[in-house]
Amino acid sequence: NSLAIMKDGQAVFTNLEKCYIYRYIFAKGIESQKKIN
């Protein structure tokens, strides 16, 4: 839900900006130093 724009109302630019910030964690992600199998 955090990776998509708001559901119940009209999304304005600030809503879009917030969505981008959540998406950047994945889209611009940095790999962890400690990996798991």
Full PDB file with SEQRES, HELIX, SHEET, SSBOND, CRYST1, ORIGX, SCALE, CONECT and MASTER records, all heavy atoms in Angstrom:
SEQRES   1 A   37  ASN SER LEU ALA ILE MET LYS ASP GLY GLN ALA VAL PHE          
SEQRES   2 A   37  THR ASN LEU GLU LYS CYS TYR ILE TYR ARG TYR ILE PHE          
SEQRES   3 A   37  ALA LYS GLY ILE GLU SER GLN LYS LYS ILE ASN                  
HELIX    1 AA1 PHE A   13  ALA A   27  1                                  15    
CRYST1    1.000    1.000    1.000  90.00  90.00  90.00 P 1           1          
ORIGX1      1.000000  0.000000  0.000000        0.00000                         
ORIGX2      0.000000  1.000000  0.000000        0.00000                         
ORIGX3      0.000000  0.000000  1.000000        0.00000                         
SCALE1      1.000000  0.000000  0.000000        0.00000                         
SCALE2      0.000000  1.000000  0.000000        0.00000                         
SCALE3      0.000000  0.000000  1.000000        0.00000                         
ATOM      1  N   ASN A   1       0.824  -1.217   0.000  1.00  0.00           N  
ATOM      2  CA  ASN A   1       0.000   0.000   0.000  1.00  0.00           C  
ATOM      3  C   ASN A   1       0.855   1.263   0.000  1.00  0.00           C  
ATOM      4  O   ASN A   1       0.478   2.274  -0.594  1.00  0.00           O  
ATOM      5  CB  ASN A   1      -0.930   0.011   1.217  1.00  0.00           C  
ATOM      6  CG  ASN A   1      -2.056  -0.992   1.084  1.00  0.00           C  
ATOM      7  OD1 ASN A   1      -2.399  -1.404  -0.024  1.00  0.00           O  
ATOM      8  ND2 ASN A   1      -2.626  -1.415   2.205  1.00  0.00           N  
ATOM      9  N   SER A   2       2.012   1.201   0.659  1.00  0.00           N  
ATOM     10  CA  SER A   2       2.880   2.378   0.705  1.00  0.00           C  
ATOM     11  C   SER A   2       3.509   2.680  -0.656  1.00  0.00           C  
ATOM     12  O   SER A   2       3.950   3.802  -0.901  1.00  0.00           O  
ATOM     13  CB  SER A   2       3.995   2.178   1.742  1.00  0.00           C  
ATOM     14  OG  SER A   2       4.988   1.274   1.278  1.00  0.00           O  
ATOM     15  N   LEU A   3       3.537   1.682  -1.540  1.00  0.00           N  
ATOM     16  CA  LEU A   3       4.164   1.833  -2.858  1.00  0.00           C  
ATOM     17  C   LEU A   3       3.173   2.250  -3.937  1.00  0.00           C  
ATOM     18  O   LEU A   3       3.508   2.272  -5.121  1.00  0.00           O  
ATOM     19  CB  LEU A   3       4.849   0.522  -3.260  1.00  0.00           C  
ATOM     20  CG  LEU A   3       5.918   0.004  -2.280  1.00  0.00           C  
ATOM     21  CD1 LEU A   3       6.456  -1.340  -2.741  1.00  0.00           C  
ATOM     22  CD2 LEU A   3       7.048   1.008  -2.130  1.00  0.00           C  
ATOM     23  N   ALA A   4       1.938   2.561  -3.525  1.00  0.00           N  
ATOM     24  CA  ALA A   4       0.905   3.010  -4.462  1.00  0.00           C  
ATOM     25  C   ALA A   4       0.300   4.304  -3.939  1.00  0.00           C  
ATOM     26  O   ALA A   4       0.344   4.589  -2.738  1.00  0.00           O  
ATOM     27  CB  ALA A   4      -0.169   1.942  -4.618  1.00  0.00           C  
ATOM     28  N   ILE A   5      -0.283   5.100  -4.831  1.00  0.00           N  
ATOM     29  CA  ILE A   5      -0.900   6.360  -4.406  1.00  0.00           C  
ATOM     30  C   ILE A   5      -2.162   6.080  -3.607  1.00  0.00           C  
ATOM     31  O   ILE A   5      -2.711   4.983  -3.647  1.00  0.00           O  
ATOM     32  CB  ILE A   5      -1.203   7.283  -5.600  1.00  0.00           C  
ATOM     33  CG1 ILE A   5      -2.112   6.591  -6.619  1.00  0.00           C  
ATOM     34  CG2 ILE A   5       0.072   7.755  -6.252  1.00  0.00           C  
ATOM     35  CD1 ILE A   5      -2.541   7.498  -7.754  1.00  0.00           C  
ATOM     36  N   MET A   6      -2.626   7.073  -2.876  1.00  0.00           N  
ATOM     37  CA  MET A   6      -3.775   6.914  -1.985  1.00  0.00           C  
ATOM     38  C   MET A   6      -4.995   6.374  -2.726  1.00  0.00           C  
ATOM     39  O   MET A   6      -5.177   6.607  -3.921  1.00  0.00           O  
ATOM     40  CB  MET A   6      -4.107   8.249  -1.318  1.00  0.00           C  
ATOM     41  CG  MET A   6      -4.485   9.360  -2.281  1.00  0.00           C  
ATOM     42  SD  MET A   6      -4.740  10.949  -1.470  1.00  0.00           S  
ATOM     43  CE  MET A   6      -6.163  10.610  -0.453  1.00  0.00           C  
ATOM     44  N   LYS A   7      -5.825   5.621  -1.985  1.00  0.00           N  
ATOM     45  CA  LYS A   7      -6.907   4.862  -2.598  1.00  0.00           C  
ATOM     46  C   LYS A   7      -8.254   5.591  -2.607  1.00  0.00           C  
ATOM     47  O   LYS A   7      -9.014   5.497  -3.560  1.00  0.00           O  
ATOM     48  CB  LYS A   7      -7.089   3.532  -1.843  1.00  0.00           C  
ATOM     49  CG  LYS A   7      -5.815   2.734  -1.640  1.00  0.00           C  
ATOM     50  CD  LYS A   7      -5.337   2.115  -2.918  1.00  0.00           C  
ATOM     51  CE  LYS A   7      -4.144   1.201  -2.687  1.00  0.00           C  
ATOM     52  NZ  LYS A   7      -3.671   0.568  -3.906  1.00  0.00           N  
ATOM     53  N   ASP A   8      -8.573   6.291  -1.521  1.00  0.00           N  
ATOM     54  CA  ASP A   8      -9.940   6.775  -1.321  1.00  0.00           C  
ATOM     55  C   ASP A   8     -10.222   8.177  -1.828  1.00  0.00           C  
ATOM     56  O   ASP A   8     -11.367   8.578  -1.946  1.00  0.00           O  
ATOM     57  CB  ASP A   8     -10.303   6.726   0.171  1.00  0.00           C  
ATOM     58  CG  ASP A   8     -10.498   5.307   0.655  1.00  0.00           C  
ATOM     59  OD1 ASP A   8     -10.840   4.459  -0.177  1.00  0.00           O  
ATOM     60  OD2 ASP A   8     -10.291   5.053   1.845  1.00  0.00           O  
ATOM     61  N   GLY A   9      -9.183   8.952  -2.090  1.00  0.00           N  
ATOM     62  CA  GLY A   9      -9.401  10.332  -2.500  1.00  0.00           C  
ATOM     63  C   GLY A   9      -8.583  10.681  -3.717  1.00  0.00           C  
ATOM     64  O   GLY A   9      -7.870   9.851  -4.283  1.00  0.00           O  
ATOM     65  N   GLN A  10      -8.684  11.938  -4.125  1.00  0.00           N  
ATOM     66  CA  GLN A  10      -7.910  12.387  -5.277  1.00  0.00           C  
ATOM     67  C   GLN A  10      -6.467  12.638  -4.864  1.00  0.00           C  
ATOM     68  O   GLN A  10      -6.196  13.376  -3.923  1.00  0.00           O  
ATOM     69  CB  GLN A  10      -8.517  13.669  -5.848  1.00  0.00           C  
ATOM     70  CG  GLN A  10      -7.806  14.139  -7.114  1.00  0.00           C  
ATOM     71  CD  GLN A  10      -8.488  15.343  -7.736  1.00  0.00           C  
ATOM     72  OE1 GLN A  10      -9.523  15.782  -7.264  1.00  0.00           O  
ATOM     73  NE2 GLN A  10      -7.906  15.872  -8.796  1.00  0.00           N  
ATOM     74  N   ALA A  11      -5.530  12.012  -5.553  1.00  0.00           N  
ATOM     75  CA  ALA A  11      -4.115  12.158  -5.238  1.00  0.00           C  
ATOM     76  C   ALA A  11      -3.565  13.429  -5.864  1.00  0.00           C  
ATOM     77  O   ALA A  11      -3.724  13.648  -7.070  1.00  0.00           O  
ATOM     78  CB  ALA A  11      -3.342  10.939  -5.729  1.00  0.00           C  
ATOM     79  N   VAL A  12      -2.919  14.280  -5.051  1.00  0.00           N  
ATOM     80  CA  VAL A  12      -2.285  15.497  -5.548  1.00  0.00           C  
ATOM     81  C   VAL A  12      -0.774  15.284  -5.528  1.00  0.00           C  
ATOM     82  O   VAL A  12      -0.280  14.213  -5.172  1.00  0.00           O  
ATOM     83  CB  VAL A  12      -2.686  16.717  -4.691  1.00  0.00           C  
ATOM     84  CG1 VAL A  12      -4.183  16.977  -4.844  1.00  0.00           C  
ATOM     85  CG2 VAL A  12      -2.337  16.503  -3.222  1.00  0.00           C  
ATOM     86  N   PHE A  13      -0.012  16.308  -5.898  1.00  0.00           N  
ATOM     87  CA  PHE A  13       1.426  16.138  -6.077  1.00  0.00           C  
ATOM     88  C   PHE A  13       2.126  15.703  -4.783  1.00  0.00           C  
ATOM     89  O   PHE A  13       3.066  14.914  -4.813  1.00  0.00           O  
ATOM     90  CB  PHE A  13       2.053  17.425  -6.603  1.00  0.00           C  
ATOM     91  CG  PHE A  13       3.483  17.249  -7.022  1.00  0.00           C  
ATOM     92  CD1 PHE A  13       3.807  16.670  -8.240  1.00  0.00           C  
ATOM     93  CD2 PHE A  13       4.518  17.636  -6.177  1.00  0.00           C  
ATOM     94  CE1 PHE A  13       5.121  16.486  -8.621  1.00  0.00           C  
ATOM     95  CE2 PHE A  13       5.837  17.455  -6.555  1.00  0.00           C  
ATOM     96  CZ  PHE A  13       6.137  16.880  -7.781  1.00  0.00           C  
ATOM     97  N   THR A  14       1.685  16.225  -3.646  1.00  0.00           N  
ATOM     98  CA  THR A  14       2.320  15.842  -2.380  1.00  0.00           C  
ATOM     99  C   THR A  14       2.115  14.355  -2.082  1.00  0.00           C  
ATOM    100  O   THR A  14       2.995  13.712  -1.505  1.00  0.00           O  
ATOM    101  CB  THR A  14       1.766  16.681  -1.211  1.00  0.00           C  
ATOM    102  OG1 THR A  14       0.325  16.633  -1.233  1.00  0.00           O  
ATOM    103  CG2 THR A  14       2.230  18.126  -1.312  1.00  0.00           C  
ATOM    104  N   ASN A  15       0.962  13.806  -2.463  1.00  0.00           N  
ATOM    105  CA  ASN A  15       0.732  12.370  -2.303  1.00  0.00           C  
ATOM    106  C   ASN A  15       1.680  11.571  -3.188  1.00  0.00           C  
ATOM    107  O   ASN A  15       2.196  10.522  -2.788  1.00  0.00           O  
ATOM    108  CB  ASN A  15      -0.712  12.003  -2.647  1.00  0.00           C  
ATOM    109  CG  ASN A  15      -1.740  12.739  -1.820  1.00  0.00           C  
ATOM    110  OD1 ASN A  15      -2.554  13.492  -2.348  1.00  0.00           O  
ATOM    111  ND2 ASN A  15      -1.705  12.541  -0.513  1.00  0.00           N  
ATOM    112  N   LEU A  16       1.907  12.081  -4.391  1.00  0.00           N  
ATOM    113  CA  LEU A  16       2.811  11.424  -5.324  1.00  0.00           C  
ATOM    114  C   LEU A  16       4.235  11.445  -4.784  1.00  0.00           C  
ATOM    115  O   LEU A  16       4.966  10.454  -4.861  1.00  0.00           O  
ATOM    116  CB  LEU A  16       2.747  12.122  -6.681  1.00  0.00           C  
ATOM    117  CG  LEU A  16       3.468  11.452  -7.851  1.00  0.00           C  
ATOM    118  CD1 LEU A  16       2.893  10.079  -8.129  1.00  0.00           C  
ATOM    119  CD2 LEU A  16       3.375  12.323  -9.093  1.00  0.00           C  
ATOM    120  N   GLU A  17       4.645  12.589  -4.216  1.00  0.00           N  
ATOM    121  CA  GLU A  17       5.985  12.701  -3.647  1.00  0.00           C  
ATOM    122  C   GLU A  17       6.188  11.690  -2.518  1.00  0.00           C  
ATOM    123  O   GLU A  17       7.223  11.024  -2.432  1.00  0.00           O  
ATOM    124  CB  GLU A  17       6.223  14.117  -3.115  1.00  0.00           C  
ATOM    125  CG  GLU A  17       7.651  14.315  -2.601  1.00  0.00           C  
ATOM    126  CD  GLU A  17       7.739  15.337  -1.482  1.00  0.00           C  
ATOM    127  OE1 GLU A  17       6.704  15.696  -0.911  1.00  0.00           O  
ATOM    128  OE2 GLU A  17       8.859  15.747  -1.160  1.00  0.00           O  
ATOM    129  N   LYS A  18       5.183  11.555  -1.664  1.00  0.00           N  
ATOM    130  CA  LYS A  18       5.263  10.606  -0.554  1.00  0.00           C  
ATOM    131  C   LYS A  18       5.408   9.184  -1.070  1.00  0.00           C  
ATOM    132  O   LYS A  18       6.203   8.393  -0.546  1.00  0.00           O  
ATOM    133  CB  LYS A  18       4.002  10.734   0.312  1.00  0.00           C  
ATOM    134  CG  LYS A  18       4.008   9.848   1.546  1.00  0.00           C  
ATOM    135  CD  LYS A  18       2.758  10.063   2.371  1.00  0.00           C  
ATOM    136  CE  LYS A  18       2.759   9.161   3.606  1.00  0.00           C  
ATOM    137  NZ  LYS A  18       1.521   9.347   4.416  1.00  0.00           N  
ATOM    138  N   CYS A  19       4.659   8.857  -2.106  1.00  0.00           N  
ATOM    139  CA  CYS A  19       4.727   7.528  -2.707  1.00  0.00           C  
ATOM    140  C   CYS A  19       6.125   7.263  -3.267  1.00  0.00           C  
ATOM    141  O   CYS A  19       6.679   6.164  -3.098  1.00  0.00           O  
ATOM    142  CB  CYS A  19       3.672   7.406  -3.806  1.00  0.00           C  
ATOM    143  SG  CYS A  19       3.643   5.799  -4.631  1.00  0.00           S  
ATOM    144  N   TYR A  20       6.712   8.268  -3.917  1.00  0.00           N  
ATOM    145  CA  TYR A  20       8.063   8.122  -4.468  1.00  0.00           C  
ATOM    146  C   TYR A  20       9.083   7.834  -3.370  1.00  0.00           C  
ATOM    147  O   TYR A  20       9.990   7.014  -3.540  1.00  0.00           O  
ATOM    148  CB  TYR A  20       8.475   9.387  -5.219  1.00  0.00           C  
ATOM    149  CG  TYR A  20       8.110   9.384  -6.678  1.00  0.00           C  
ATOM    150  CD1 TYR A  20       7.304  10.377  -7.222  1.00  0.00           C  
ATOM    151  CD2 TYR A  20       8.578   8.387  -7.524  1.00  0.00           C  
ATOM    152  CE1 TYR A  20       6.962  10.381  -8.566  1.00  0.00           C  
ATOM    153  CE2 TYR A  20       8.245   8.377  -8.868  1.00  0.00           C  
ATOM    154  CZ  TYR A  20       7.438   9.374  -9.383  1.00  0.00           C  
ATOM    155  OH  TYR A  20       7.110   9.357 -10.710  1.00  0.00           O  
ATOM    156  N   ILE A  21       8.962   8.505  -2.245  1.00  0.00           N  
ATOM    157  CA  ILE A  21       9.914   8.307  -1.151  1.00  0.00           C  
ATOM    158  C   ILE A  21       9.890   6.856  -0.674  1.00  0.00           C  
ATOM    159  O   ILE A  21      10.937   6.243  -0.435  1.00  0.00           O  
ATOM    160  CB  ILE A  21       9.614   9.286   0.004  1.00  0.00           C  
ATOM    161  CG1 ILE A  21       9.962  10.715  -0.435  1.00  0.00           C  
ATOM    162  CG2 ILE A  21      10.413   8.915   1.254  1.00  0.00           C  
ATOM    163  CD1 ILE A  21       9.494  11.776   0.526  1.00  0.00           C  
ATOM    164  N   TYR A  22       8.698   6.289  -0.550  1.00  0.00           N  
ATOM    165  CA  TYR A  22       8.592   4.875  -0.171  1.00  0.00           C  
ATOM    166  C   TYR A  22       9.169   3.974  -1.262  1.00  0.00           C  
ATOM    167  O   TYR A  22       9.792   2.943  -0.968  1.00  0.00           O  
ATOM    168  CB  TYR A  22       7.133   4.505   0.089  1.00  0.00           C  
ATOM    169  CG  TYR A  22       6.586   5.002   1.406  1.00  0.00           C  
ATOM    170  CD1 TYR A  22       5.558   5.935   1.457  1.00  0.00           C  
ATOM    171  CD2 TYR A  22       7.099   4.535   2.605  1.00  0.00           C  
ATOM    172  CE1 TYR A  22       5.055   6.394   2.659  1.00  0.00           C  
ATOM    173  CE2 TYR A  22       6.603   4.990   3.824  1.00  0.00           C  
ATOM    174  CZ  TYR A  22       5.583   5.917   3.840  1.00  0.00           C  
ATOM    175  OH  TYR A  22       5.092   6.369   5.037  1.00  0.00           O  
ATOM    176  N   ARG A  23       8.952   4.342  -2.513  1.00  0.00           N  
ATOM    177  CA  ARG A  23       9.442   3.517  -3.628  1.00  0.00           C  
ATOM    178  C   ARG A  23      10.970   3.578  -3.756  1.00  0.00           C  
ATOM    179  O   ARG A  23      11.595   2.595  -4.172  1.00  0.00           O  
ATOM    180  CB  ARG A  23       8.803   3.979  -4.948  1.00  0.00           C  
ATOM    181  CG  ARG A  23       7.406   3.429  -5.160  1.00  0.00           C  
ATOM    182  CD  ARG A  23       6.773   3.899  -6.439  1.00  0.00           C  
ATOM    183  NE  ARG A  23       5.695   2.968  -6.796  1.00  0.00           N  
ATOM    184  CZ  ARG A  23       5.793   2.010  -7.705  1.00  0.00           C  
ATOM    185  NH1 ARG A  23       6.908   1.860  -8.381  1.00  0.00           N  
ATOM    186  NH2 ARG A  23       4.787   1.200  -7.942  1.00  0.00           N  
ATOM    187  N   TYR A  24      11.563   4.710  -3.405  1.00  0.00           N  
ATOM    188  CA  TYR A  24      13.015   4.844  -3.535  1.00  0.00           C  
ATOM    189  C   TYR A  24      13.773   3.825  -2.695  1.00  0.00           C  
ATOM    190  O   TYR A  24      14.891   3.439  -3.040  1.00  0.00           O  
ATOM    191  CB  TYR A  24      13.463   6.262  -3.146  1.00  0.00           C  
ATOM    192  CG  TYR A  24      13.128   7.329  -4.164  1.00  0.00           C  
ATOM    193  CD1 TYR A  24      13.005   8.661  -3.791  1.00  0.00           C  
ATOM    194  CD2 TYR A  24      12.941   7.010  -5.502  1.00  0.00           C  
ATOM    195  CE1 TYR A  24      12.699   9.648  -4.719  1.00  0.00           C  
ATOM    196  CE2 TYR A  24      12.630   7.987  -6.439  1.00  0.00           C  
ATOM    197  CZ  TYR A  24      12.512   9.301  -6.042  1.00  0.00           C  
ATOM    198  OH  TYR A  24      12.208  10.271  -6.968  1.00  0.00           O  
ATOM    199  N   ILE A  25      13.189   3.399  -1.577  1.00  0.00           N  
ATOM    200  CA  ILE A  25      13.837   2.395  -0.734  1.00  0.00           C  
ATOM    201  C   ILE A  25      14.146   1.145  -1.549  1.00  0.00           C  
ATOM    202  O   ILE A  25      15.179   0.499  -1.376  1.00  0.00           O  
ATOM    203  CB  ILE A  25      12.942   2.042   0.468  1.00  0.00           C  
ATOM    204  CG1 ILE A  25      12.712   3.280   1.346  1.00  0.00           C  
ATOM    205  CG2 ILE A  25      13.550   0.912   1.295  1.00  0.00           C  
ATOM    206  CD1 ILE A  25      13.984   3.898   1.874  1.00  0.00           C  
ATOM    207  N   PHE A  26      13.238   0.804  -2.472  1.00  0.00           N  
ATOM    208  CA  PHE A  26      13.424  -0.374  -3.321  1.00  0.00           C  
ATOM    209  C   PHE A  26      14.097  -0.010  -4.645  1.00  0.00           C  
ATOM    210  O   PHE A  26      15.044  -0.659  -5.069  1.00  0.00           O  
ATOM    211  CB  PHE A  26      12.071  -1.037  -3.585  1.00  0.00           C  
ATOM    212  CG  PHE A  26      11.422  -1.581  -2.347  1.00  0.00           C  
ATOM    213  CD1 PHE A  26      10.535  -0.808  -1.602  1.00  0.00           C  
ATOM    214  CD2 PHE A  26      11.703  -2.861  -1.910  1.00  0.00           C  
ATOM    215  CE1 PHE A  26       9.949  -1.294  -0.457  1.00  0.00           C  
ATOM    216  CE2 PHE A  26      11.117  -3.362  -0.760  1.00  0.00           C  
ATOM    217  CZ  PHE A  26      10.245  -2.576  -0.034  1.00  0.00           C  
ATOM    218  N   ALA A  27      13.593   1.024  -5.304  1.00  0.00           N  
ATOM    219  CA  ALA A  27      14.073   1.370  -6.644  1.00  0.00           C  
ATOM    220  C   ALA A  27      15.509   1.881  -6.638  1.00  0.00           C  
ATOM    221  O   ALA A  27      16.239   1.704  -7.610  1.00  0.00           O  
ATOM    222  CB  ALA A  27      13.147   2.423  -7.264  1.00  0.00           C  
ATOM    223  N   LYS A  28      15.936   2.525  -5.552  1.00  0.00           N  
ATOM    224  CA  LYS A  28      17.306   3.019  -5.423  1.00  0.00           C  
ATOM    225  C   LYS A  28      18.016   2.303  -4.278  1.00  0.00           C  
ATOM    226  O   LYS A  28      18.915   2.850  -3.639  1.00  0.00           O  
ATOM    227  CB  LYS A  28      17.305   4.527  -5.169  1.00  0.00           C  
ATOM    228  CG  LYS A  28      16.734   5.370  -6.310  1.00  0.00           C  
ATOM    229  CD  LYS A  28      16.703   6.832  -5.918  1.00  0.00           C  
ATOM    230  CE  LYS A  28      16.173   7.719  -7.042  1.00  0.00           C  
ATOM    231  NZ  LYS A  28      17.161   7.967  -8.083  1.00  0.00           N  
ATOM    232  N   GLY A  29      17.587   1.077  -4.000  1.00  0.00           N  
ATOM    233  CA  GLY A  29      18.050   0.349  -2.825  1.00  0.00           C  
ATOM    234  C   GLY A  29      19.547   0.068  -2.803  1.00  0.00           C  
ATOM    235  O   GLY A  29      20.202  -0.040  -3.843  1.00  0.00           O  
ATOM    236  N   ILE A  30      20.072  -0.067  -1.584  1.00  0.00           N  
ATOM    237  CA  ILE A  30      21.467  -0.446  -1.360  1.00  0.00           C  
ATOM    238  C   ILE A  30      21.467  -1.826  -0.710  1.00  0.00           C  
ATOM    239  O   ILE A  30      20.726  -2.070   0.252  1.00  0.00           O  
ATOM    240  CB  ILE A  30      22.176   0.574  -0.448  1.00  0.00           C  
ATOM    241  CG1 ILE A  30      22.177   1.956  -1.112  1.00  0.00           C  
ATOM    242  CG2 ILE A  30      23.606   0.131  -0.136  1.00  0.00           C  
ATOM    243  CD1 ILE A  30      22.682   3.068  -0.211  1.00  0.00           C  
ATOM    244  N   GLU A  31      22.275  -2.723  -1.226  1.00  0.00           N  
ATOM    245  CA  GLU A  31      22.285  -4.091  -0.715  1.00  0.00           C  
ATOM    246  C   GLU A  31      22.883  -4.146   0.688  1.00  0.00           C  
ATOM    247  O   GLU A  31      23.825  -3.422   1.006  1.00  0.00           O  
ATOM    248  CB  GLU A  31      23.057  -5.012  -1.661  1.00  0.00           C  
ATOM    249  CG  GLU A  31      22.371  -5.181  -3.012  1.00  0.00           C  
ATOM    250  CD  GLU A  31      22.979  -6.290  -3.860  1.00  0.00           C  
ATOM    251  OE1 GLU A  31      23.916  -6.968  -3.378  1.00  0.00           O  
ATOM    252  OE2 GLU A  31      22.512  -6.481  -5.002  1.00  0.00           O  
ATOM    253  N   SER A  32      22.331  -5.032   1.517  1.00  0.00           N  
ATOM    254  CA  SER A  32      22.816  -5.222   2.882  1.00  0.00           C  
ATOM    255  C   SER A  32      24.197  -5.863   2.867  1.00  0.00           C  
ATOM    256  O   SER A  32      24.517  -6.672   1.984  1.00  0.00           O  
ATOM    257  CB  SER A  32      21.855  -6.118   3.664  1.00  0.00           C  
ATOM    258  OG  SER A  32      20.559  -5.565   3.698  1.00  0.00           O  
ATOM    259  N   GLN A  33      25.002  -5.515   3.853  1.00  0.00           N  
ATOM    260  CA  GLN A  33      26.319  -6.137   3.970  1.00  0.00           C  
ATOM    261  C   GLN A  33      26.196  -7.581   4.431  1.00  0.00           C  
ATOM    262  O   GLN A  33      26.917  -8.458   3.957  1.00  0.00           O  
ATOM    263  CB  GLN A  33      27.188  -5.334   4.937  1.00  0.00           C  
ATOM    264  CG  GLN A  33      27.596  -3.963   4.398  1.00  0.00           C  
ATOM    265  CD  GLN A  33      28.513  -3.221   5.353  1.00  0.00           C  
ATOM    266  OE1 GLN A  33      28.565  -3.527   6.543  1.00  0.00           O  
ATOM    267  NE2 GLN A  33      29.237  -2.239   4.829  1.00  0.00           N  
ATOM    268  N   LYS A  34      25.292  -7.823   5.371  1.00  0.00           N  
ATOM    269  CA  LYS A  34      25.087  -9.181   5.883  1.00  0.00           C  
ATOM    270  C   LYS A  34      23.953  -9.839   5.095  1.00  0.00           C  
ATOM    271  O   LYS A  34      22.791  -9.449   5.227  1.00  0.00           O  
ATOM    272  CB  LYS A  34      24.751  -9.143   7.371  1.00  0.00           C  
ATOM    273  CG  LYS A  34      25.911  -8.682   8.238  1.00  0.00           C  
ATOM    274  CD  LYS A  34      25.546  -8.738   9.722  1.00  0.00           C  
ATOM    275  CE  LYS A  34      26.725  -8.307  10.588  1.00  0.00           C  
ATOM    276  NZ  LYS A  34      26.381  -8.347  12.043  1.00  0.00           N  
ATOM    277  N   LYS A  35      24.297 -10.812   4.271  1.00  0.00           N  
ATOM    278  CA  LYS A  35      23.316 -11.509   3.437  1.00  0.00           C  
ATOM    279  C   LYS A  35      22.832 -12.779   4.140  1.00  0.00           C  
ATOM    280  O   LYS A  35      23.519 -13.316   5.022  1.00  0.00           O  
ATOM    281  CB  LYS A  35      23.931 -11.879   2.081  1.00  0.00           C  
ATOM    282  CG  LYS A  35      24.476 -10.702   1.282  1.00  0.00           C  
ATOM    283  CD  LYS A  35      23.345  -9.864   0.722  1.00  0.00           C  
ATOM    284  CE  LYS A  35      23.861  -8.670  -0.075  1.00  0.00           C  
ATOM    285  NZ  LYS A  35      24.579  -9.045  -1.279  1.00  0.00           N  
ATOM    286  N   ILE A  36      21.649 -13.241   3.759  1.00  0.00           N  
ATOM    287  CA  ILE A  36      21.134 -14.518   4.246  1.00  0.00           C  
ATOM    288  C   ILE A  36      21.033 -15.476   3.064  1.00  0.00           C  
ATOM    289  O   ILE A  36      21.050 -15.063   1.903  1.00  0.00           O  
ATOM    290  CB  ILE A  36      19.760 -14.368   4.932  1.00  0.00           C  
ATOM    291  CG1 ILE A  36      18.685 -13.948   3.907  1.00  0.00           C  
ATOM    292  CG2 ILE A  36      19.831 -13.385   6.091  1.00  0.00           C  
ATOM    293  CD1 ILE A  36      17.266 -14.059   4.428  1.00  0.00           C  
ATOM    294  N   ASN A  37      20.930 -16.752   3.358  1.00  0.00           N  
ATOM    295  CA  ASN A  37      20.748 -17.766   2.331  1.00  0.00           C  
ATOM    296  C   ASN A  37      19.278 -17.778   1.914  1.00  0.00           C  
ATOM    297  O   ASN A  37      18.395 -17.988   2.749  1.00  0.00           O  
ATOM    298  CB  ASN A  37      21.166 -19.134   2.878  1.00  0.00           C  
ATOM    299  CG  ASN A  37      21.122 -20.216   1.808  1.00  0.00           C  
ATOM    300  OD1 ASN A  37      20.957 -19.923   0.622  1.00  0.00           O  
ATOM    301  ND2 ASN A  37      21.263 -21.456   2.220  1.00  0.00           N  
TER     302      ASN A  37                                                      
MASTER        0    0    0    1    0    0    0    6  301    1    0    3          
END                                                                             
